[in-house]
Amino acid sequence: MIKSEQHSKGVIEVISRAKIYDATIGAYIEHFSDGRFLYTARLSNGRMEIPISLACDQEKKAADVSEERIQKAAESFQSNNPLHTNPNKEVGKKTQKNAITIKKAFQNLLRKK
């Protein structure tokens, strides 16, 4: 793994959006590249894997990044706490539906400008 500064904005924004699906995801510290497809973000309380393509897309055009891609990244979160459980898993479908509704409203606002 190689420490990376590339796509920092995208990585941080993906982490921020992922907190909708798992509120226990910690703060961004740094990220590393596997040299091919993945960034591994080191967080204040664990780590999370983010595809490089997702971080890049988030930087270029965040409105086009699907909630499904963000949720998949959120599901990769691994806590340093062995007792960690995701309190949002039980309400994940409802949360996802609400997030998609919010995203669509946001996209409509962008189109009107």
PDB file of N, CA and C in Angstrom:
ATOM      1  N   MET A   1       0.834  -1.181   0.000  1.00  0.00           N
ATOM      2  CA  MET A   1       0.000   0.000   0.000  1.00  0.00           C
ATOM      3  C   MET A   1       0.879   1.245   0.000  1.00  0.00           C
ATOM      4  N   ILE A   2       0.478   2.197  -0.807  1.00  0.00           N
ATOM      5  CA  ILE A   2       1.225   3.440  -0.943  1.00  0.00           C
ATOM      6  C   ILE A   2       0.341   4.593  -0.481  1.00  0.00           C
ATOM      7  N   LYS A   3       0.860   5.404   0.423  1.00  0.00           N
ATOM      8  CA  LYS A   3       0.095   6.569   0.865  1.00  0.00           C
ATOM      9  C   LYS A   3      -0.184   7.448  -0.339  1.00  0.00           C
ATOM     10  N   SER A   4      -1.402   7.983  -0.404  1.00  0.00           N
ATOM     11  CA  SER A   4      -1.821   8.766  -1.564  1.00  0.00           C
ATOM     12  C   SER A   4      -2.438  10.093  -1.154  1.00  0.00           C
ATOM     13  N   GLU A   5      -2.247  11.074  -2.000  1.00  0.00           N
ATOM     14  CA  GLU A   5      -2.914  12.362  -1.855  1.00  0.00           C
ATOM     15  C   GLU A   5      -3.939  12.546  -2.988  1.00  0.00           C
ATOM     16  N   GLN A   6      -3.898  11.645  -3.968  1.00  0.00           N
ATOM     17  CA  GLN A   6      -4.811  11.748  -5.107  1.00  0.00           C
ATOM     18  C   GLN A   6      -6.252  11.548  -4.660  1.00  0.00           C
ATOM     19  N   HIS A   7      -7.127  12.289  -5.258  1.00  0.00           N
ATOM     20  CA  HIS A   7      -8.569  12.197  -5.020  1.00  0.00           C
ATOM     21  C   HIS A   7      -8.956  12.348  -3.550  1.00  0.00           C
ATOM     22  N   SER A   8      -8.169  13.105  -2.799  1.00  0.00           N
ATOM     23  CA  SER A   8      -8.473  13.299  -1.367  1.00  0.00           C
ATOM     24  C   SER A   8      -9.870  13.857  -1.160  1.00  0.00           C
ATOM     25  N   LYS A   9     -10.225  14.837  -1.973  1.00  0.00           N
ATOM     26  CA  LYS A   9     -11.558  15.447  -1.853  1.00  0.00           C
ATOM     27  C   LYS A   9     -12.651  14.400  -2.075  1.00  0.00           C
ATOM     28  N   GLY A  10     -12.490  13.580  -3.096  1.00  0.00           N
ATOM     29  CA  GLY A  10     -13.474  12.545  -3.395  1.00  0.00           C
ATOM     30  C   GLY A  10     -13.564  11.512  -2.287  1.00  0.00           C
ATOM     31  N   VAL A  11     -12.426  11.093  -1.758  1.00  0.00           N
ATOM     32  CA  VAL A  11     -12.413  10.107  -0.668  1.00  0.00           C
ATOM     33  C   VAL A  11     -13.138  10.669   0.556  1.00  0.00           C
ATOM     34  N   ILE A  12     -12.816  11.897   0.916  1.00  0.00           N
ATOM     35  CA  ILE A  12     -13.438  12.521   2.087  1.00  0.00           C
ATOM     36  C   ILE A  12     -14.946  12.677   1.888  1.00  0.00           C
ATOM     37  N   GLU A  13     -15.362  13.068   0.688  1.00  0.00           N
ATOM     38  CA  GLU A  13     -16.797  13.228   0.418  1.00  0.00           C
ATOM     39  C   GLU A  13     -17.528  11.892   0.427  1.00  0.00           C
ATOM     40  N   VAL A  14     -16.899  10.838  -0.094  1.00  0.00           N
ATOM     41  CA  VAL A  14     -17.519   9.507  -0.055  1.00  0.00           C
ATOM     42  C   VAL A  14     -17.708   9.072   1.393  1.00  0.00           C
ATOM     43  N   ILE A  15     -16.691   9.284   2.217  1.00  0.00           N
ATOM     44  CA  ILE A  15     -16.795   8.931   3.636  1.00  0.00           C
ATOM     45  C   ILE A  15     -17.940   9.707   4.289  1.00  0.00           C
ATOM     46  N   SER A  16     -18.025  10.977   3.989  1.00  0.00           N
ATOM     47  CA  SER A  16     -19.094  11.803   4.552  1.00  0.00           C
ATOM     48  C   SER A  16     -20.471  11.276   4.143  1.00  0.00           C
ATOM     49  N   ARG A  17     -20.622  10.957   2.871  1.00  0.00           N
ATOM     50  CA  ARG A  17     -21.901  10.430   2.392  1.00  0.00           C
ATOM     51  C   ARG A  17     -22.189   9.049   2.967  1.00  0.00           C
ATOM     52  N   ALA A  18     -21.149   8.253   3.189  1.00  0.00           N
ATOM     53  CA  ALA A  18     -21.317   6.891   3.714  1.00  0.00           C
ATOM     54  C   ALA A  18     -21.863   6.895   5.134  1.00  0.00           C
ATOM     55  N   LYS A  19     -21.655   7.986   5.848  1.00  0.00           N
ATOM     56  CA  LYS A  19     -22.147   8.069   7.228  1.00  0.00           C
ATOM     57  C   LYS A  19     -23.666   8.013   7.304  1.00  0.00           C
ATOM     58  N   ILE A  20     -24.349   8.239   6.191  1.00  0.00           N
ATOM     59  CA  ILE A  20     -25.806   8.073   6.145  1.00  0.00           C
ATOM     60  C   ILE A  20     -26.159   6.616   6.419  1.00  0.00           C
ATOM     61  N   TYR A  21     -25.316   5.713   5.940  1.00  0.00           N
ATOM     62  CA  TYR A  21     -25.585   4.280   6.063  1.00  0.00           C
ATOM     63  C   TYR A  21     -24.979   3.652   7.308  1.00  0.00           C
ATOM     64  N   ASP A  22     -23.973   4.289   7.865  1.00  0.00           N
ATOM     65  CA  ASP A  22     -23.369   3.805   9.101  1.00  0.00           C
ATOM     66  C   ASP A  22     -22.821   5.014   9.852  1.00  0.00           C
ATOM     67  N   ALA A  23     -23.593   5.490  10.798  1.00  0.00           N
ATOM     68  CA  ALA A  23     -23.234   6.701  11.541  1.00  0.00           C
ATOM     69  C   ALA A  23     -22.001   6.510  12.415  1.00  0.00           C
ATOM     70  N   THR A  24     -21.551   5.266  12.578  1.00  0.00           N
ATOM     71  CA  THR A  24     -20.374   5.025  13.404  1.00  0.00           C
ATOM     72  C   THR A  24     -19.063   5.184  12.632  1.00  0.00           C
ATOM     73  N   ILE A  25     -19.127   5.442  11.334  1.00  0.00           N
ATOM     74  CA  ILE A  25     -17.909   5.649  10.539  1.00  0.00           C
ATOM     75  C   ILE A  25     -17.201   6.884  11.072  1.00  0.00           C
ATOM     76  N   GLY A  26     -15.922   6.729  11.361  1.00  0.00           N
ATOM     77  CA  GLY A  26     -15.143   7.800  11.979  1.00  0.00           C
ATOM     78  C   GLY A  26     -14.633   8.844  11.007  1.00  0.00           C
ATOM     79  N   ALA A  27     -13.799   9.727  11.521  1.00  0.00           N
ATOM     80  CA  ALA A  27     -13.241  10.833  10.746  1.00  0.00           C
ATOM     81  C   ALA A  27     -12.067  10.359   9.890  1.00  0.00           C
ATOM     82  N   TYR A  28     -11.946  10.971   8.726  1.00  0.00           N
ATOM     83  CA  TYR A  28     -10.854  10.673   7.791  1.00  0.00           C
ATOM     84  C   TYR A  28      -9.516  11.100   8.385  1.00  0.00           C
ATOM     85  N   ILE A  29      -8.508  10.241   8.243  1.00  0.00           N
ATOM     86  CA  ILE A  29      -7.144  10.581   8.654  1.00  0.00           C
ATOM     87  C   ILE A  29      -6.242  10.646   7.420  1.00  0.00           C
ATOM     88  N   GLU A  30      -6.214   9.572   6.633  1.00  0.00           N
ATOM     89  CA  GLU A  30      -5.392   9.497   5.427  1.00  0.00           C
ATOM     90  C   GLU A  30      -5.882   8.328   4.587  1.00  0.00           C
ATOM     91  N   HIS A  31      -5.340   8.225   3.364  1.00  0.00           N
ATOM     92  CA  HIS A  31      -5.708   7.069   2.554  1.00  0.00           C
ATOM     93  C   HIS A  31      -4.511   6.554   1.769  1.00  0.00           C
ATOM     94  N   PHE A  32      -4.636   5.278   1.382  1.00  0.00           N
ATOM     95  CA  PHE A  32      -3.573   4.561   0.702  1.00  0.00           C
ATOM     96  C   PHE A  32      -4.142   3.918  -0.561  1.00  0.00           C
ATOM     97  N   SER A  33      -3.287   3.762  -1.561  1.00  0.00           N
ATOM     98  CA  SER A  33      -3.684   3.135  -2.811  1.00  0.00           C
ATOM     99  C   SER A  33      -3.072   1.753  -2.913  1.00  0.00           C
ATOM    100  N   ASP A  34      -3.839   0.827  -3.481  1.00  0.00           N
ATOM    101  CA  ASP A  34      -3.275  -0.499  -3.740  1.00  0.00           C
ATOM    102  C   ASP A  34      -2.529  -0.492  -5.078  1.00  0.00           C
ATOM    103  N   GLY A  35      -2.509   0.663  -5.734  1.00  0.00           N
ATOM    104  CA  GLY A  35      -1.809   0.793  -7.004  1.00  0.00           C
ATOM    105  C   GLY A  35      -2.635   0.406  -8.209  1.00  0.00           C
ATOM    106  N   ARG A  36      -3.847  -0.071  -7.983  1.00  0.00           N
ATOM    107  CA  ARG A  36      -4.673  -0.511  -9.095  1.00  0.00           C
ATOM    108  C   ARG A  36      -6.108   0.008  -9.028  1.00  0.00           C
ATOM    109  N   PHE A  37      -6.872  -0.481  -8.042  1.00  0.00           N
ATOM    110  CA  PHE A  37      -8.306  -0.215  -8.052  1.00  0.00           C
ATOM    111  C   PHE A  37      -8.885   0.385  -6.784  1.00  0.00           C
ATOM    112  N   LEU A  38      -8.193   0.251  -5.658  1.00  0.00           N
ATOM    113  CA  LEU A  38      -8.797   0.615  -4.375  1.00  0.00           C
ATOM    114  C   LEU A  38      -7.967   1.599  -3.568  1.00  0.00           C
ATOM    115  N   TYR A  39      -8.713   2.459  -2.869  1.00  0.00           N
ATOM    116  CA  TYR A  39      -8.118   3.243  -1.796  1.00  0.00           C
ATOM    117  C   TYR A  39      -8.582   2.612  -0.496  1.00  0.00           C
ATOM    118  N   THR A  40      -7.692   2.556   0.469  1.00  0.00           N
ATOM    119  CA  THR A  40      -8.067   2.172   1.818  1.00  0.00           C
ATOM    120  C   THR A  40      -7.923   3.422   2.665  1.00  0.00           C
ATOM    121  N   ALA A  41      -9.043   3.890   3.191  1.00  0.00           N
ATOM    122  CA  ALA A  41      -9.043   5.108   4.008  1.00  0.00           C
ATOM    123  C   ALA A  41      -8.848   4.711   5.463  1.00  0.00           C
ATOM    124  N   ARG A  42      -7.874   5.335   6.100  1.00  0.00           N
ATOM    125  CA  ARG A  42      -7.671   5.148   7.540  1.00  0.00           C
ATOM    126  C   ARG A  42      -8.534   6.181   8.249  1.00  0.00           C
ATOM    127  N   LEU A  43      -9.367   5.702   9.145  1.00  0.00           N
ATOM    128  CA  LEU A  43     -10.304   6.555   9.858  1.00  0.00           C
ATOM    129  C   LEU A  43      -9.945   6.589  11.339  1.00  0.00           C
ATOM    130  N   SER A  44     -10.558   7.487  12.054  1.00  0.00           N
ATOM    131  CA  SER A  44     -10.276   7.626  13.486  1.00  0.00           C
ATOM    132  C   SER A  44     -10.660   6.387  14.276  1.00  0.00           C
ATOM    133  N   ASN A  45     -11.532   5.552  13.703  1.00  0.00           N
ATOM    134  CA  ASN A  45     -11.976   4.365  14.431  1.00  0.00           C
ATOM    135  C   ASN A  45     -11.978   3.087  13.587  1.00  0.00           C
ATOM    136  N   GLY A  46     -11.237   3.090  12.487  1.00  0.00           N
ATOM    137  CA  GLY A  46     -11.202   1.897  11.649  1.00  0.00           C
ATOM    138  C   GLY A  46     -10.697   2.209  10.256  1.00  0.00           C
ATOM    139  N   ARG A  47     -11.240   1.474   9.284  1.00  0.00           N
ATOM    140  CA  ARG A  47     -10.843   1.702   7.895  1.00  0.00           C
ATOM    141  C   ARG A  47     -12.008   1.401   6.973  1.00  0.00           C
ATOM    142  N   MET A  48     -11.868   1.868   5.741  1.00  0.00           N
ATOM    143  CA  MET A  48     -12.932   1.706   4.761  1.00  0.00           C
ATOM    144  C   MET A  48     -12.303   1.616   3.381  1.00  0.00           C
ATOM    145  N   GLU A  49     -12.810   0.739   2.528  1.00  0.00           N
ATOM    146  CA  GLU A  49     -12.299   0.608   1.177  1.00  0.00           C
ATOM    147  C   GLU A  49     -13.185   1.388   0.215  1.00  0.00           C
ATOM    148  N   ILE A  50     -12.525   2.167  -0.641  1.00  0.00           N
ATOM    149  CA  ILE A  50     -13.242   2.999  -1.611  1.00  0.00           C
ATOM    150  C   ILE A  50     -12.617   2.767  -2.979  1.00  0.00           C
ATOM    151  N   PRO A  51     -13.400   2.308  -3.947  1.00  0.00           N
ATOM    152  CA  PRO A  51     -12.846   2.158  -5.289  1.00  0.00           C
ATOM    153  C   PRO A  51     -12.310   3.505  -5.799  1.00  0.00           C
ATOM    154  N   ILE A  52     -11.167   3.460  -6.454  1.00  0.00           N
ATOM    155  CA  ILE A  52     -10.573   4.684  -7.002  1.00  0.00           C
ATOM    156  C   ILE A  52     -11.552   5.360  -7.949  1.00  0.00           C
ATOM    157  N   SER A  53     -12.260   4.565  -8.741  1.00  0.00           N
ATOM    158  CA  SER A  53     -13.225   5.142  -9.687  1.00  0.00           C
ATOM    159  C   SER A  53     -14.339   5.905  -8.965  1.00  0.00           C
ATOM    160  N   LEU A  54     -14.743   5.438  -7.787  1.00  0.00           N
ATOM    161  CA  LEU A  54     -15.775   6.115  -7.007  1.00  0.00           C
ATOM    162  C   LEU A  54     -15.271   7.463  -6.493  1.00  0.00           C
ATOM    163  N   ALA A  55     -14.058   7.484  -5.945  1.00  0.00           N
ATOM    164  CA  ALA A  55     -13.491   8.743  -5.450  1.00  0.00           C
ATOM    165  C   ALA A  55     -13.327   9.747  -6.585  1.00  0.00           C
ATOM    166  N   CYS A  56     -12.884   9.269  -7.738  1.00  0.00           N
ATOM    167  CA  CYS A  56     -12.709  10.132  -8.915  1.00  0.00           C
ATOM    168  C   CYS A  56     -14.052  10.686  -9.381  1.00  0.00           C
ATOM    169  N   ASP A  57     -15.056   9.819  -9.496  1.00  0.00           N
ATOM    170  CA  ASP A  57     -16.395  10.252  -9.925  1.00  0.00           C
ATOM    171  C   ASP A  57     -16.995  11.241  -8.935  1.00  0.00           C
ATOM    172  N   GLN A  58     -16.777  11.006  -7.639  1.00  0.00           N
ATOM    173  CA  GLN A  58     -17.293  11.904  -6.609  1.00  0.00           C
ATOM    174  C   GLN A  58     -16.703  13.301  -6.779  1.00  0.00           C
ATOM    175  N   GLU A  59     -15.426  13.383  -7.116  1.00  0.00           N
ATOM    176  CA  GLU A  59     -14.773  14.681  -7.328  1.00  0.00           C
ATOM    177  C   GLU A  59     -15.286  15.365  -8.588  1.00  0.00           C
ATOM    178  N   LYS A  60     -15.449  14.599  -9.664  1.00  0.00           N
ATOM    179  CA  LYS A  60     -15.818  15.177 -10.961  1.00  0.00           C
ATOM    180  C   LYS A  60     -17.290  15.597 -11.024  1.00  0.00           C
ATOM    181  N   LYS A  61     -18.171  14.704 -10.600  1.00  0.00           N
ATOM    182  CA  LYS A  61     -19.603  15.001 -10.699  1.00  0.00           C
ATOM    183  C   LYS A  61     -20.367  14.219  -9.636  1.00  0.00           C
ATOM    184  N   ALA A  62     -20.363  14.778  -8.444  1.00  0.00           N
ATOM    185  CA  ALA A  62     -20.953  14.101  -7.277  1.00  0.00           C
ATOM    186  C   ALA A  62     -22.418  13.739  -7.476  1.00  0.00           C
ATOM    187  N   ALA A  63     -23.143  14.570  -8.195  1.00  0.00           N
ATOM    188  CA  ALA A  63     -24.579  14.333  -8.374  1.00  0.00           C
ATOM    189  C   ALA A  63     -24.854  13.051  -9.154  1.00  0.00           C
ATOM    190  N   ASP A  64     -23.876  12.572  -9.911  1.00  0.00           N
ATOM    191  CA  ASP A  64     -24.071  11.353 -10.696  1.00  0.00           C
ATOM    192  C   ASP A  64     -23.656  10.078  -9.964  1.00  0.00           C
ATOM    193  N   VAL A  65     -23.097  10.213  -8.778  1.00  0.00           N
ATOM    194  CA  VAL A  65     -22.672   9.035  -8.012  1.00  0.00           C
ATOM    195  C   VAL A  65     -23.891   8.451  -7.308  1.00  0.00           C
ATOM    196  N   SER A  66     -24.186   7.206  -7.621  1.00  0.00           N
ATOM    197  CA  SER A  66     -25.398   6.578  -7.071  1.00  0.00           C
ATOM    198  C   SER A  66     -25.248   6.270  -5.586  1.00  0.00           C
ATOM    199  N   GLU A  67     -26.372   6.263  -4.912  1.00  0.00           N
ATOM    200  CA  GLU A  67     -26.398   5.916  -3.495  1.00  0.00           C
ATOM    201  C   GLU A  67     -25.993   4.456  -3.291  1.00  0.00           C
ATOM    202  N   GLU A  68     -26.259   3.611  -4.274  1.00  0.00           N
ATOM    203  CA  GLU A  68     -25.867   2.212  -4.169  1.00  0.00           C
ATOM    204  C   GLU A  68     -24.351   2.075  -4.061  1.00  0.00           C
ATOM    205  N   ARG A  69     -23.621   2.886  -4.828  1.00  0.00           N
ATOM    206  CA  ARG A  69     -22.150   2.851  -4.769  1.00  0.00           C
ATOM    207  C   ARG A  69     -21.652   3.353  -3.417  1.00  0.00           C
ATOM    208  N   ILE A  70     -22.300   4.385  -2.895  1.00  0.00           N
ATOM    209  CA  ILE A  70     -21.916   4.916  -1.579  1.00  0.00           C
ATOM    210  C   ILE A  70     -22.213   3.881  -0.499  1.00  0.00           C
ATOM    211  N   GLN A  71     -23.369   3.250  -0.584  1.00  0.00           N
ATOM    212  CA  GLN A  71     -23.745   2.248   0.415  1.00  0.00           C
ATOM    213  C   GLN A  71     -22.771   1.072   0.400  1.00  0.00           C
ATOM    214  N   LYS A  72     -22.359   0.657  -0.781  1.00  0.00           N
ATOM    215  CA  LYS A  72     -21.398  -0.453  -0.876  1.00  0.00           C
ATOM    216  C   LYS A  72     -20.078  -0.074  -0.200  1.00  0.00           C
ATOM    217  N   ALA A  73     -19.640   1.172  -0.409  1.00  0.00           N
ATOM    218  CA  ALA A  73     -18.428   1.641   0.267  1.00  0.00           C
ATOM    219  C   ALA A  73     -18.638   1.643   1.775  1.00  0.00           C
ATOM    220  N   ALA A  74     -19.798   2.121   2.226  1.00  0.00           N
ATOM    221  CA  ALA A  74     -20.102   2.158   3.663  1.00  0.00           C
ATOM    222  C   ALA A  74     -20.061   0.757   4.265  1.00  0.00           C
ATOM    223  N   GLU A  75     -20.525  -0.219   3.521  1.00  0.00           N
ATOM    224  CA  GLU A  75     -20.545  -1.597   4.008  1.00  0.00           C
ATOM    225  C   GLU A  75     -19.137  -2.176   4.165  1.00  0.00           C
ATOM    226  N   SER A  76     -18.139  -1.544   3.537  1.00  0.00           N
ATOM    227  CA  SER A  76     -16.761  -2.026   3.668  1.00  0.00           C
ATOM    228  C   SER A  76     -16.094  -1.531   4.952  1.00  0.00           C
ATOM    229  N   PHE A  77     -16.771  -0.652   5.702  1.00  0.00           N
ATOM    230  CA  PHE A  77     -16.197  -0.106   6.932  1.00  0.00           C
ATOM    231  C   PHE A  77     -15.885  -1.220   7.917  1.00  0.00           C
ATOM    232  N   GLN A  78     -14.651  -1.190   8.418  1.00  0.00           N
ATOM    233  CA  GLN A  78     -14.228  -2.145   9.441  1.00  0.00           C
ATOM    234  C   GLN A  78     -13.768  -1.356  10.652  1.00  0.00           C
ATOM    235  N   SER A  79     -14.479  -1.514  11.724  1.00  0.00           N
ATOM    236  CA  SER A  79     -14.191  -0.783  12.946  1.00  0.00           C
ATOM    237  C   SER A  79     -13.017  -1.395  13.692  1.00  0.00           C
ATOM    238  N   ASN A  80     -12.277  -0.546  14.404  1.00  0.00           N
ATOM    239  CA  ASN A  80     -11.224  -1.025  15.303  1.00  0.00           C
ATOM    240  C   ASN A  80     -11.833  -1.656  16.557  1.00  0.00           C
ATOM    241  N   ASN A  81     -13.095  -1.351  16.816  1.00  0.00           N
ATOM    242  CA  ASN A  81     -13.798  -1.859  17.989  1.00  0.00           C
ATOM    243  C   ASN A  81     -14.382  -3.236  17.665  1.00  0.00           C
ATOM    244  N   PRO A  82     -13.918  -4.295  18.317  1.00  0.00           N
ATOM    245  CA  PRO A  82     -14.424  -5.631  18.003  1.00  0.00           C
ATOM    246  C   PRO A  82     -15.907  -5.815  18.338  1.00  0.00           C
ATOM    247  N   LEU A  83     -16.471  -4.925  19.131  1.00  0.00           N
ATOM    248  CA  LEU A  83     -17.890  -5.026  19.489  1.00  0.00           C
ATOM    249  C   LEU A  83     -18.778  -4.176  18.587  1.00  0.00           C
ATOM    250  N   HIS A  84     -18.190  -3.560  17.563  1.00  0.00           N
ATOM    251  CA  HIS A  84     -18.933  -2.667  16.671  1.00  0.00           C
ATOM    252  C   HIS A  84     -20.033  -3.405  15.925  1.00  0.00           C
ATOM    253  N   THR A  85     -21.189  -2.801  15.900  1.00  0.00           N
ATOM    254  CA  THR A  85     -22.276  -3.242  15.029  1.00  0.00           C
ATOM    255  C   THR A  85     -22.838  -1.998  14.365  1.00  0.00           C
ATOM    256  N   ASN A  86     -23.337  -2.166  13.168  1.00  0.00           N
ATOM    257  CA  ASN A  86     -23.907  -1.048  12.427  1.00  0.00           C
ATOM    258  C   ASN A  86     -25.364  -0.882  12.836  1.00  0.00           C
ATOM    259  N   PRO A  87     -25.701   0.183  13.569  1.00  0.00           N
ATOM    260  CA  PRO A  87     -27.082   0.376  14.012  1.00  0.00           C
ATOM    261  C   PRO A  87     -28.026   0.686  12.858  1.00  0.00           C
ATOM    262  N   ASN A  88     -27.492   1.050  11.721  1.00  0.00           N
ATOM    263  CA  ASN A  88     -28.339   1.414  10.582  1.00  0.00           C
ATOM    264  C   ASN A  88     -28.726   0.226   9.712  1.00  0.00           C
ATOM    265  N   LYS A  89     -28.134  -0.943   9.918  1.00  0.00           N
ATOM    266  CA  LYS A  89     -28.422  -2.074   9.036  1.00  0.00           C
ATOM    267  C   LYS A  89     -29.902  -2.423   9.033  1.00  0.00           C
ATOM    268  N   GLU A  90     -30.556  -2.312  10.181  1.00  0.00           N
ATOM    269  CA  GLU A  90     -31.963  -2.663  10.248  1.00  0.00           C
ATOM    270  C   GLU A  90     -32.848  -1.653   9.538  1.00  0.00           C
ATOM    271  N   VAL A  91     -32.412  -0.433   9.452  1.00  0.00           N
ATOM    272  CA  VAL A  91     -33.202   0.587   8.769  1.00  0.00           C
ATOM    273  C   VAL A  91     -32.551   0.991   7.450  1.00  0.00           C
ATOM    274  N   GLY A  92     -31.610   0.179   6.996  1.00  0.00           N
ATOM    275  CA  GLY A  92     -30.842   0.499   5.794  1.00  0.00           C
ATOM    276  C   GLY A  92     -31.692   0.754   4.564  1.00  0.00           C
ATOM    277  N   LYS A  93     -32.695  -0.075   4.332  1.00  0.00           N
ATOM    278  CA  LYS A  93     -33.542   0.093   3.145  1.00  0.00           C
ATOM    279  C   LYS A  93     -34.294   1.417   3.193  1.00  0.00           C
ATOM    280  N   LYS A  94     -34.846   1.737   4.358  1.00  0.00           N
ATOM    281  CA  LYS A  94     -35.577   2.997   4.510  1.00  0.00           C
ATOM    282  C   LYS A  94     -34.621   4.176   4.347  1.00  0.00           C
ATOM    283  N   THR A  95     -33.444   4.069   4.949  1.00  0.00           N
ATOM    284  CA  THR A  95     -32.437   5.127   4.835  1.00  0.00           C
ATOM    285  C   THR A  95     -32.029   5.305   3.385  1.00  0.00           C
ATOM    286  N   GLN A  96     -31.813   4.185   2.688  1.00  0.00           N
ATOM    287  CA  GLN A  96     -31.421   4.256   1.287  1.00  0.00           C
ATOM    288  C   GLN A  96     -32.516   4.934   0.461  1.00  0.00           C
ATOM    289  N   LYS A  97     -33.763   4.584   0.715  1.00  0.00           N
ATOM    290  CA  LYS A  97     -34.870   5.187  -0.017  1.00  0.00           C
ATOM    291  C   LYS A  97     -34.920   6.698   0.235  1.00  0.00           C
ATOM    292  N   ASN A  98     -34.741   7.107   1.491  1.00  0.00           N
ATOM    293  CA  ASN A  98     -34.721   8.534   1.817  1.00  0.00           C
ATOM    294  C   ASN A  98     -33.545   9.242   1.151  1.00  0.00           C
ATOM    295  N   ALA A  99     -32.387   8.596   1.147  1.00  0.00           N
ATOM    296  CA  ALA A  99     -31.202   9.194   0.529  1.00  0.00           C
ATOM    297  C   ALA A  99     -31.403   9.367  -0.969  1.00  0.00           C
ATOM    298  N   ILE A 100     -32.029   8.390  -1.610  1.00  0.00           N
ATOM    299  CA  ILE A 100     -32.294   8.487  -3.049  1.00  0.00           C
ATOM    300  C   ILE A 100     -33.275   9.617  -3.319  1.00  0.00           C
ATOM    301  N   THR A 101     -34.287   9.768  -2.491  1.00  0.00           N
ATOM    302  CA  THR A 101     -35.251  10.862  -2.637  1.00  0.00           C
ATOM    303  C   THR A 101     -34.553  12.208  -2.503  1.00  0.00           C
ATOM    304  N   ILE A 102     -33.668  12.334  -1.526  1.00  0.00           N
ATOM    305  CA  ILE A 102     -32.918  13.575  -1.327  1.00  0.00           C
ATOM    306  C   ILE A 102     -32.020  13.853  -2.524  1.00  0.00           C
ATOM    307  N   LYS A 103     -31.360  12.814  -3.023  1.00  0.00           N
ATOM    308  CA  LYS A 103     -30.473  12.982  -4.175  1.00  0.00           C
ATOM    309  C   LYS A 103     -31.258  13.465  -5.390  1.00  0.00           C
ATOM    310  N   LYS A 104     -32.430  12.873  -5.637  1.00  0.00           N
ATOM    311  CA  LYS A 104     -33.243  13.280  -6.777  1.00  0.00           C
ATOM    312  C   LYS A 104     -33.680  14.733  -6.645  1.00  0.00           C
ATOM    313  N   ALA A 105     -34.050  15.148  -5.444  1.00  0.00           N
ATOM    314  CA  ALA A 105     -34.437  16.535  -5.212  1.00  0.00           C
ATOM    315  C   ALA A 105     -33.250  17.466  -5.471  1.00  0.00           C
ATOM    316  N   PHE A 106     -32.073  17.055  -5.028  1.00  0.00           N
ATOM    317  CA  PHE A 106     -30.850  17.835  -5.244  1.00  0.00           C
ATOM    318  C   PHE A 106     -30.549  17.953  -6.737  1.00  0.00           C
ATOM    319  N   GLN A 107     -30.678  16.858  -7.468  1.00  0.00           N
ATOM    320  CA  GLN A 107     -30.433  16.883  -8.906  1.00  0.00           C
ATOM    321  C   GLN A 107     -31.421  17.804  -9.616  1.00  0.00           C
ATOM    322  N   ASN A 108     -32.681  17.778  -9.193  1.00  0.00           N
ATOM    323  CA  ASN A 108     -33.685  18.661  -9.792  1.00  0.00           C
ATOM    324  C   ASN A 108     -33.335  20.121  -9.551  1.00  0.00           C
ATOM    325  N   LEU A 109     -32.851  20.438  -8.366  1.00  0.00           N
ATOM    326  CA  LEU A 109     -32.436  21.816  -8.067  1.00  0.00           C
ATOM    327  C   LEU A 109     -31.281  22.245  -8.957  1.00  0.00           C
ATOM    328  N   LEU A 110     -30.324  21.336  -9.182  1.00  0.00           N
ATOM    329  CA  LEU A 110     -29.180  21.656 -10.032  1.00  0.00           C
ATOM    330  C   LEU A 110     -29.609  21.890 -11.475  1.00  0.00           C
ATOM    331  N   ARG A 111     -30.567  21.136 -11.933  1.00  0.00           N
ATOM    332  CA  ARG A 111     -31.049  21.289 -13.312  1.00  0.00           C
ATOM    333  C   ARG A 111     -31.766  22.621 -13.533  1.00  0.00           C
ATOM    334  N   LYS A 112     -32.410  23.133 -12.474  1.00  0.00           N
ATOM    335  CA  LYS A 112     -33.171  24.380 -12.595  1.00  0.00           C
ATOM    336  C   LYS A 112     -32.261  25.599 -12.685  1.00  0.00           C
ATOM    337  N   LYS A 113     -31.002  25.462 -12.262  1.00  0.00           N
ATOM    338  CA  LYS A 113     -30.086  26.612 -12.267  1.00  0.00           C
ATOM    339  C   LYS A 113     -29.556  26.900 -13.625  1.00  0.00           C
TER     340      LYS A 113
END
